[in-house]
Amino acid sequence: KNDIQSTRHGQRDHLSNETIIFVACAGENDIGSGTSLDQILDTFRSFLDDLYCLFSPLAHSTTGNDNIDIKIKRNHANNYDGSTSSHKINHSNNNNFHLIFIGPKLEPWLSKDFSSRKQYAKLSNGLQRCMRKHCGHNSNLGRMTYVDCLTLFCTEDTANVPGAVHGGRAVPDPVYFDGDGLHLSEVGYAVWKEMIEKEILTLLM
């Protein structure tokens, strides 16, 4: 996870002519902790608004300055290690910014919690609606891609059958998950990594 803040200090890497791709995912832990779907989607809309403020040329047109500096705090294994890097973004070319948002995935523990499973499906639909609406209102904000992962880690014989998601017929494949039925295994992360790399290559073509 990256925590992004405005900054005017530190060493700067000038990326004004390079492509910037954000890969993000969120919401699964919120469902597990009992956070309401409305709260999760409100936070997601705020996240999209923040990206618009950072990268949209219109959001900064009144300043007369096409550039903004951002500092990215780098986290490893969910622990911030103290390192930062500062980048300068050029708003004169908004097409160099892309967001790839990775949707929630059905996990083995959900087989015993059908209510949360339904919330995962509703969350996926809600996130997609938020992105479509945001892109419609702010068409100048580069490109956004939503990756539907609900059945990505389900068994091949159940992932695409009728009622796979809403009927509860899609069965997460244990090989992709650790023993806790929640976190991905090395095999699962390899699939996730391959999927994300394909999305990035598609954007760069």
C-alpha atoms as a PDB file:
ATOM      1  CA  LYS A   1       0.000   0.000   0.000  1.00  0.00           C
ATOM      2  CA  ASN A   2       1.212   3.479  -0.773  1.00  0.00           C
ATOM      3  CA  ASP A   3       0.492   6.566   1.302  1.00  0.00           C
ATOM      4  CA  ILE A   4       0.687   9.609  -0.998  1.00  0.00           C
ATOM      5  CA  GLN A   5       1.295  13.120   0.277  1.00  0.00           C
ATOM      6  CA  SER A   6       2.095  16.463  -1.339  1.00  0.00           C
ATOM      7  CA  THR A   7       5.695  17.525  -0.790  1.00  0.00           C
ATOM      8  CA  ARG A   8       8.197  20.084  -1.937  1.00  0.00           C
ATOM      9  CA  HIS A   9      11.235  18.522  -0.313  1.00  0.00           C
ATOM     10  CA  GLY A  10      13.624  15.681  -0.999  1.00  0.00           C
ATOM     11  CA  GLN A  11      15.325  14.264  -4.042  1.00  0.00           C
ATOM     12  CA  ARG A  12      13.131  14.397  -7.153  1.00  0.00           C
ATOM     13  CA  ASP A  13      12.863  11.992 -10.058  1.00  0.00           C
ATOM     14  CA  HIS A  14      11.339  13.820 -13.017  1.00  0.00           C
ATOM     15  CA  LEU A  15       8.711  11.572 -14.557  1.00  0.00           C
ATOM     16  CA  SER A  16       6.838  14.119 -16.637  1.00  0.00           C
ATOM     17  CA  ASN A  17       7.368  12.165 -19.858  1.00  0.00           C
ATOM     18  CA  GLU A  18       6.915   8.686 -18.426  1.00  0.00           C
ATOM     19  CA  THR A  19       3.868   6.547 -17.820  1.00  0.00           C
ATOM     20  CA  ILE A  20       2.615   6.350 -14.228  1.00  0.00           C
ATOM     21  CA  ILE A  21       0.570   3.291 -13.298  1.00  0.00           C
ATOM     22  CA  PHE A  22      -1.118   2.875  -9.910  1.00  0.00           C
ATOM     23  CA  VAL A  23      -2.132  -0.658  -8.954  1.00  0.00           C
ATOM     24  CA  ALA A  24      -4.505  -0.740  -6.000  1.00  0.00           C
ATOM     25  CA  CYS A  25      -6.911  -3.065  -4.206  1.00  0.00           C
ATOM     26  CA  ALA A  26      -9.133  -2.546  -1.181  1.00  0.00           C
ATOM     27  CA  GLY A  27     -12.331  -3.569   0.536  1.00  0.00           C
ATOM     28  CA  GLU A  28     -11.890  -7.222   1.467  1.00  0.00           C
ATOM     29  CA  ASN A  29     -10.605  -6.572   4.996  1.00  0.00           C
ATOM     30  CA  ASP A  30     -13.345  -3.982   5.478  1.00  0.00           C
ATOM     31  CA  ILE A  31     -16.032  -6.567   4.708  1.00  0.00           C
ATOM     32  CA  GLY A  32     -14.400  -8.980   7.146  1.00  0.00           C
ATOM     33  CA  SER A  33     -14.307  -6.339   9.886  1.00  0.00           C
ATOM     34  CA  GLY A  34     -17.972  -5.479   9.452  1.00  0.00           C
ATOM     35  CA  THR A  35     -17.599  -2.126   7.712  1.00  0.00           C
ATOM     36  CA  SER A  36     -20.732  -1.280   5.758  1.00  0.00           C
ATOM     37  CA  LEU A  37     -20.706  -1.338   1.976  1.00  0.00           C
ATOM     38  CA  ASP A  38     -21.736   2.335   1.888  1.00  0.00           C
ATOM     39  CA  GLN A  39     -18.742   3.300   4.020  1.00  0.00           C
ATOM     40  CA  ILE A  40     -16.345   1.319   1.829  1.00  0.00           C
ATOM     41  CA  LEU A  41     -17.667   2.889  -1.367  1.00  0.00           C
ATOM     42  CA  ASP A  42     -17.575   6.396   0.171  1.00  0.00           C
ATOM     43  CA  THR A  43     -13.888   5.841   0.963  1.00  0.00           C
ATOM     44  CA  PHE A  44     -13.292   4.562  -2.558  1.00  0.00           C
ATOM     45  CA  ARG A  45     -14.944   7.632  -4.069  1.00  0.00           C
ATOM     46  CA  SER A  46     -12.700   9.816  -1.908  1.00  0.00           C
ATOM     47  CA  PHE A  47      -9.700   7.855  -3.172  1.00  0.00           C
ATOM     48  CA  LEU A  48     -10.722   8.520  -6.783  1.00  0.00           C
ATOM     49  CA  ASP A  49     -11.272  12.194  -5.989  1.00  0.00           C
ATOM     50  CA  ASP A  50      -7.780  12.386  -4.471  1.00  0.00           C
ATOM     51  CA  LEU A  51      -6.290  10.896  -7.634  1.00  0.00           C
ATOM     52  CA  TYR A  52      -8.198  13.445  -9.694  1.00  0.00           C
ATOM     53  CA  CYS A  53      -6.768  16.265  -7.577  1.00  0.00           C
ATOM     54  CA  LEU A  54      -3.248  14.877  -7.949  1.00  0.00           C
ATOM     55  CA  PHE A  55      -3.219  14.144 -11.638  1.00  0.00           C
ATOM     56  CA  SER A  56      -5.884  16.172 -13.412  1.00  0.00           C
ATOM     57  CA  PRO A  57      -4.654  19.236 -15.327  1.00  0.00           C
ATOM     58  CA  LEU A  58      -8.034  20.906 -14.724  1.00  0.00           C
ATOM     59  CA  ALA A  59      -7.687  20.539 -10.980  1.00  0.00           C
ATOM     60  CA  HIS A  60      -4.484  22.583 -11.135  1.00  0.00           C
ATOM     61  CA  SER A  61      -5.324  24.937 -13.994  1.00  0.00           C
ATOM     62  CA  THR A  62      -5.817  27.878 -11.633  1.00  0.00           C
ATOM     63  CA  THR A  63      -2.272  27.652 -10.301  1.00  0.00           C
ATOM     64  CA  GLY A  64      -0.544  28.310 -13.601  1.00  0.00           C
ATOM     65  CA  ASN A  65       1.800  25.422 -12.803  1.00  0.00           C
ATOM     66  CA  ASP A  66       1.512  22.135 -14.683  1.00  0.00           C
ATOM     67  CA  ASN A  67       3.613  20.254 -12.145  1.00  0.00           C
ATOM     68  CA  ILE A  68       2.958  18.879  -8.682  1.00  0.00           C
ATOM     69  CA  ASP A  69       5.353  16.978  -6.467  1.00  0.00           C
ATOM     70  CA  ILE A  70       4.167  13.907  -4.593  1.00  0.00           C
ATOM     71  CA  LYS A  71       5.931  11.797  -2.026  1.00  0.00           C
ATOM     72  CA  ILE A  72       5.307   8.072  -1.941  1.00  0.00           C
ATOM     73  CA  LYS A  73       5.851   6.266   1.351  1.00  0.00           C
ATOM     74  CA  ARG A  74       6.932   2.746   0.593  1.00  0.00           C
ATOM     75  CA  ASN A  75       5.571  -0.111   2.682  1.00  0.00           C
ATOM     76  CA  HIS A  76       6.882  -3.646   2.833  1.00  0.00           C
ATOM     77  CA  ALA A  77       4.846  -6.448   4.390  1.00  0.00           C
ATOM     78  CA  ASN A  78       2.419  -3.806   5.682  1.00  0.00           C
ATOM     79  CA  ASN A  79       5.182  -2.072   7.661  1.00  0.00           C
ATOM     80  CA  TYR A  80       6.403   1.348   6.565  1.00  0.00           C
ATOM     81  CA  ASP A  81      10.193   1.117   6.324  1.00  0.00           C
ATOM     82  CA  GLY A  82      10.868   4.865   6.413  1.00  0.00           C
ATOM     83  CA  SER A  83      12.043   5.209   2.811  1.00  0.00           C
ATOM     84  CA  THR A  84      10.421   7.769   0.541  1.00  0.00           C
ATOM     85  CA  SER A  85      10.766   8.888  -3.032  1.00  0.00           C
ATOM     86  CA  SER A  86       9.567  12.130  -4.545  1.00  0.00           C
ATOM     87  CA  HIS A  87       8.237  12.477  -8.072  1.00  0.00           C
ATOM     88  CA  LYS A  88       7.189  15.402 -10.217  1.00  0.00           C
ATOM     89  CA  ILE A  89       4.012  14.898 -12.244  1.00  0.00           C
ATOM     90  CA  ASN A  90       3.367  16.954 -15.361  1.00  0.00           C
ATOM     91  CA  HIS A  91      -0.332  17.756 -15.776  1.00  0.00           C
ATOM     92  CA  SER A  92       0.058  18.894 -19.363  1.00  0.00           C
ATOM     93  CA  ASN A  93      -0.096  15.246 -20.422  1.00  0.00           C
ATOM     94  CA  ASN A  94      -2.729  13.480 -18.327  1.00  0.00           C
ATOM     95  CA  ASN A  95      -2.696  10.433 -20.618  1.00  0.00           C
ATOM     96  CA  ASN A  96       0.463   9.180 -18.895  1.00  0.00           C
ATOM     97  CA  PHE A  97      -1.514   8.288 -15.759  1.00  0.00           C
ATOM     98  CA  HIS A  98      -3.376   4.990 -15.348  1.00  0.00           C
ATOM     99  CA  LEU A  99      -5.146   3.261 -12.478  1.00  0.00           C
ATOM    100  CA  ILE A 100      -5.501  -0.513 -12.331  1.00  0.00           C
ATOM    101  CA  PHE A 101      -7.872  -1.438  -9.523  1.00  0.00           C
ATOM    102  CA  ILE A 102      -7.931  -5.080  -8.483  1.00  0.00           C
ATOM    103  CA  GLY A 103     -11.383  -6.175  -7.325  1.00  0.00           C
ATOM    104  CA  PRO A 104     -12.162  -8.524  -4.434  1.00  0.00           C
ATOM    105  CA  LYS A 105     -11.741 -12.278  -4.825  1.00  0.00           C
ATOM    106  CA  LEU A 106     -13.820 -15.110  -3.441  1.00  0.00           C
ATOM    107  CA  GLU A 107     -11.883 -16.828  -0.657  1.00  0.00           C
ATOM    108  CA  PRO A 108     -12.326 -20.227   1.058  1.00  0.00           C
ATOM    109  CA  TRP A 109     -13.492 -18.774   4.392  1.00  0.00           C
ATOM    110  CA  LEU A 110     -16.536 -17.320   2.619  1.00  0.00           C
ATOM    111  CA  SER A 111     -17.960 -20.809   2.106  1.00  0.00           C
ATOM    112  CA  LYS A 112     -19.045 -20.673   5.760  1.00  0.00           C
ATOM    113  CA  ASP A 113     -20.214 -17.063   5.641  1.00  0.00           C
ATOM    114  CA  PHE A 114     -22.688 -16.655   2.796  1.00  0.00           C
ATOM    115  CA  SER A 115     -23.656 -13.156   3.969  1.00  0.00           C
ATOM    116  CA  SER A 116     -20.081 -11.897   3.556  1.00  0.00           C
ATOM    117  CA  ARG A 117     -19.841 -13.711   0.232  1.00  0.00           C
ATOM    118  CA  LYS A 118     -22.836 -11.723  -1.012  1.00  0.00           C
ATOM    119  CA  GLN A 119     -21.176  -8.546   0.265  1.00  0.00           C
ATOM    120  CA  TYR A 120     -18.060  -9.371  -1.781  1.00  0.00           C
ATOM    121  CA  ALA A 121     -20.192  -9.586  -4.922  1.00  0.00           C
ATOM    122  CA  LYS A 122     -22.002  -6.352  -4.077  1.00  0.00           C
ATOM    123  CA  LEU A 123     -18.666  -4.675  -3.361  1.00  0.00           C
ATOM    124  CA  SER A 124     -17.286  -5.696  -6.746  1.00  0.00           C
ATOM    125  CA  ASN A 125     -20.353  -4.291  -8.512  1.00  0.00           C
ATOM    126  CA  GLY A 126     -20.247  -1.110  -6.440  1.00  0.00           C
ATOM    127  CA  LEU A 127     -16.568  -0.460  -7.120  1.00  0.00           C
ATOM    128  CA  GLN A 128     -17.151  -0.861 -10.849  1.00  0.00           C
ATOM    129  CA  ARG A 129     -20.080   1.576 -10.764  1.00  0.00           C
ATOM    130  CA  CYS A 130     -17.987   4.126  -8.888  1.00  0.00           C
ATOM    131  CA  MET A 131     -15.206   3.925 -11.475  1.00  0.00           C
ATOM    132  CA  ARG A 132     -17.597   4.211 -14.425  1.00  0.00           C
ATOM    133  CA  LYS A 133     -19.317   7.210 -12.858  1.00  0.00           C
ATOM    134  CA  HIS A 134     -16.042   8.893 -11.964  1.00  0.00           C
ATOM    135  CA  CYS A 135     -14.623   8.394 -15.456  1.00  0.00           C
ATOM    136  CA  GLY A 136     -17.813   9.826 -16.924  1.00  0.00           C
ATOM    137  CA  HIS A 137     -17.545  12.969 -14.814  1.00  0.00           C
ATOM    138  CA  ASN A 138     -13.772  13.345 -15.177  1.00  0.00           C
ATOM    139  CA  SER A 139     -12.960  12.041 -18.630  1.00  0.00           C
ATOM    140  CA  ASN A 140      -9.656  13.915 -18.603  1.00  0.00           C
ATOM    141  CA  LEU A 141      -8.205  11.699 -15.872  1.00  0.00           C
ATOM    142  CA  GLY A 142      -6.242   9.312 -18.057  1.00  0.00           C
ATOM    143  CA  ARG A 143      -7.412   5.713 -18.102  1.00  0.00           C
ATOM    144  CA  MET A 144      -8.841   3.534 -15.344  1.00  0.00           C
ATOM    145  CA  THR A 145      -9.158  -0.245 -15.451  1.00  0.00           C
ATOM    146  CA  TYR A 146     -11.169  -2.411 -13.087  1.00  0.00           C
ATOM    147  CA  VAL A 147     -10.104  -6.058 -12.923  1.00  0.00           C
ATOM    148  CA  ASP A 148     -12.896  -8.388 -11.807  1.00  0.00           C
ATOM    149  CA  CYS A 149     -11.238 -11.081  -9.677  1.00  0.00           C
ATOM    150  CA  LEU A 150     -14.262 -12.630  -7.963  1.00  0.00           C
ATOM    151  CA  THR A 151     -13.793 -16.061  -9.536  1.00  0.00           C
ATOM    152  CA  LEU A 152     -10.127 -15.744 -10.520  1.00  0.00           C
ATOM    153  CA  PHE A 153      -9.049 -18.164  -7.801  1.00  0.00           C
ATOM    154  CA  CYS A 154     -11.978 -20.571  -8.059  1.00  0.00           C
ATOM    155  CA  THR A 155     -11.800 -24.053  -9.528  1.00  0.00           C
ATOM    156  CA  GLU A 156     -12.101 -24.184 -13.305  1.00  0.00           C
ATOM    157  CA  ASP A 157     -15.214 -26.375 -13.205  1.00  0.00           C
ATOM    158  CA  THR A 158     -17.153 -23.951 -10.971  1.00  0.00           C
ATOM    159  CA  ALA A 159     -15.877 -20.474 -11.915  1.00  0.00           C
ATOM    160  CA  ASN A 160     -18.058 -20.018 -14.988  1.00  0.00           C
ATOM    161  CA  VAL A 161     -21.156 -22.097 -14.284  1.00  0.00           C
ATOM    162  CA  PRO A 162     -24.567 -20.383 -14.015  1.00  0.00           C
ATOM    163  CA  GLY A 163     -24.963 -18.943 -10.529  1.00  0.00           C
ATOM    164  CA  ALA A 164     -21.221 -19.070  -9.912  1.00  0.00           C
ATOM    165  CA  VAL A 165     -21.150 -15.800  -7.976  1.00  0.00           C
ATOM    166  CA  HIS A 166     -24.653 -14.948  -6.820  1.00  0.00           C
ATOM    167  CA  GLY A 167     -25.774 -18.536  -6.487  1.00  0.00           C
ATOM    168  CA  GLY A 168     -22.768 -19.519  -4.440  1.00  0.00           C
ATOM    169  CA  ARG A 169     -21.649 -22.218  -6.871  1.00  0.00           C
ATOM    170  CA  ALA A 170     -18.124 -20.902  -7.499  1.00  0.00           C
ATOM    171  CA  VAL A 171     -15.695 -22.727  -5.201  1.00  0.00           C
ATOM    172  CA  PRO A 172     -12.328 -21.131  -4.307  1.00  0.00           C
ATOM    173  CA  ASP A 173      -9.473 -23.510  -5.062  1.00  0.00           C
ATOM    174  CA  PRO A 174      -7.452 -24.221  -1.866  1.00  0.00           C
ATOM    175  CA  VAL A 175      -4.221 -24.461  -3.865  1.00  0.00           C
ATOM    176  CA  TYR A 176      -4.294 -20.683  -4.295  1.00  0.00           C
ATOM    177  CA  PHE A 177      -4.650 -19.945  -0.579  1.00  0.00           C
ATOM    178  CA  ASP A 178      -2.797 -20.420   2.679  1.00  0.00           C
ATOM    179  CA  GLY A 179      -4.207 -22.672   5.358  1.00  0.00           C
ATOM    180  CA  ASP A 180      -6.167 -19.797   6.923  1.00  0.00           C
ATOM    181  CA  GLY A 181      -8.465 -19.719   3.884  1.00  0.00           C
ATOM    182  CA  LEU A 182      -7.888 -15.993   3.566  1.00  0.00           C
ATOM    183  CA  HIS A 183      -4.432 -15.086   2.339  1.00  0.00           C
ATOM    184  CA  LEU A 184      -3.031 -16.133  -1.019  1.00  0.00           C
ATOM    185  CA  SER A 185      -0.378 -18.818  -1.213  1.00  0.00           C
ATOM    186  CA  GLU A 186       2.757 -18.493  -3.314  1.00  0.00           C
ATOM    187  CA  VAL A 187       0.834 -20.134  -6.155  1.00  0.00           C
ATOM    188  CA  GLY A 188      -1.975 -17.609  -5.743  1.00  0.00           C
ATOM    189  CA  TYR A 189       0.354 -14.634  -5.694  1.00  0.00           C
ATOM    190  CA  ALA A 190       2.023 -15.923  -8.851  1.00  0.00           C
ATOM    191  CA  VAL A 191      -1.372 -15.917 -10.604  1.00  0.00           C
ATOM    192  CA  TRP A 192      -2.125 -12.427  -9.286  1.00  0.00           C
ATOM    193  CA  LYS A 193       1.284 -11.159 -10.418  1.00  0.00           C
ATOM    194  CA  GLU A 194       0.837 -12.583 -13.915  1.00  0.00           C
ATOM    195  CA  MET A 195      -2.625 -11.027 -14.211  1.00  0.00           C
ATOM    196  CA  ILE A 196      -1.387  -7.589 -13.116  1.00  0.00           C
ATOM    197  CA  GLU A 197       1.587  -7.733 -15.480  1.00  0.00           C
ATOM    198  CA  LYS A 198      -0.746  -8.506 -18.388  1.00  0.00           C
ATOM    199  CA  GLU A 199      -2.905  -5.485 -17.496  1.00  0.00           C
ATOM    200  CA  ILE A 200       0.145  -3.233 -17.337  1.00  0.00           C
ATOM    201  CA  LEU A 201       1.451  -4.463 -20.681  1.00  0.00           C
ATOM    202  CA  THR A 202      -1.985  -3.833 -22.226  1.00  0.00           C
ATOM    203  CA  LEU A 203      -1.901  -0.227 -21.012  1.00  0.00           C
ATOM    204  CA  LEU A 204       1.607   0.320 -22.349  1.00  0.00           C
ATOM    205  CA  MET A 205       0.805  -0.981 -25.833  1.00  0.00           C
END
